[in-house]
Amino acid sequence: MSVLQLGDIAIQRIVEHVIPVYHPSDFFKEATDEAVKPYRQWLEPKALCPQSGLMIMPVLSYLVRTRHHCILIDTCVGCQKSYAEPTEWHQRSNKVWLNNLLTAGARPEDIDYVFCTHLHSDHCGWNTQMVDGRWVPTFPNAKYVFAREEYLAMEAENHPIFTDNVLPVMEARQAVLVDLDYALDDQIWLESTPGHSAGHVAVHLRSGLNHAVMCGDLIHTPLQLAEPGWTPTFEFDMEASTRTRKKFLYTHCNTDTLILTAHFPLPSIGHIVPRGNGYDFGYI
């Protein structure tokens, strides 16, 4: 991705993969073929595969360079990780994401901060990598910023995602547990966006009058722009997730706020605009 300038902040999208994985009905109880049909022409071919009907949901990170710091927001699926599903993520051996980071001009040792919107497998996988038979932090000089509420919930669950992707960072003394409204400085801060996970956050970026926000998984697919009330069945708190998404869309619709999405079709960045009784996305 070419560099996007947000005032004096430089943003680059680091893509791990773009593949059709899930059918809408895998996410939403309302997403019958009949219910999705009115949106197919609008969604195809970028957000919905015309042949399979599967949603096309990139997995990506954002490399952010401010005046003072080199920052990663989310770290995708990772390499050699054991995930129950989807099968495409299990024991992946390629290093496409890491190579794309290098191509963007950032080495692992150049990263000052890693921000995770939440600690699900496709947002924290490259937090660690296997070295000499053990998981170690991929970014040796970075502080990893985790929302305390999210960290504690994952610690209690003691899932392999936590033990492989998060605990080694804590053991290396590179983790920083923060409140849900934490601010790194006047350019980077968190917003509590509850529902998808116990401590989900969005990451705000500001330079002068320029404002952007990486929304994580508070919205997964453009289908939810047309149907803001459709909430994935696997959310930590479905009611909170619905409220968060509707508030976010209403707040940022028809504004200059640039939305950096986690899973929208490439280029994945744009503005929320009105469309009928719902919303649309104005890609840049």
Foldseek 3Di string as FASTA:
>chain_A
DDWDDQDQKTKDKQWDDWDFDAAVVQFFVPDDVVVCVVCDVVCPPQQAPPPPRGGTWTFIWMFMDHPPFTEIEFDFQAAQADDPDDPVSGRHHDDSRQVSCVVVPDALQRHAEYEFLAQDNGGQHQCWDDDPHATAGRRLNYAYEDAQQRLVVCVVVVDSSCVRRPVNCVVSVRYDHDHQFDAPDPAWTWHAQDKQGRGGIKIWGHDDPGIEIEREVLPGEQVCQVVLLGGTPNIPHSVSSSVSSVVVLVVFEPHNYKYQYRIYGPVRIAGWYDDVVGIGGDHD
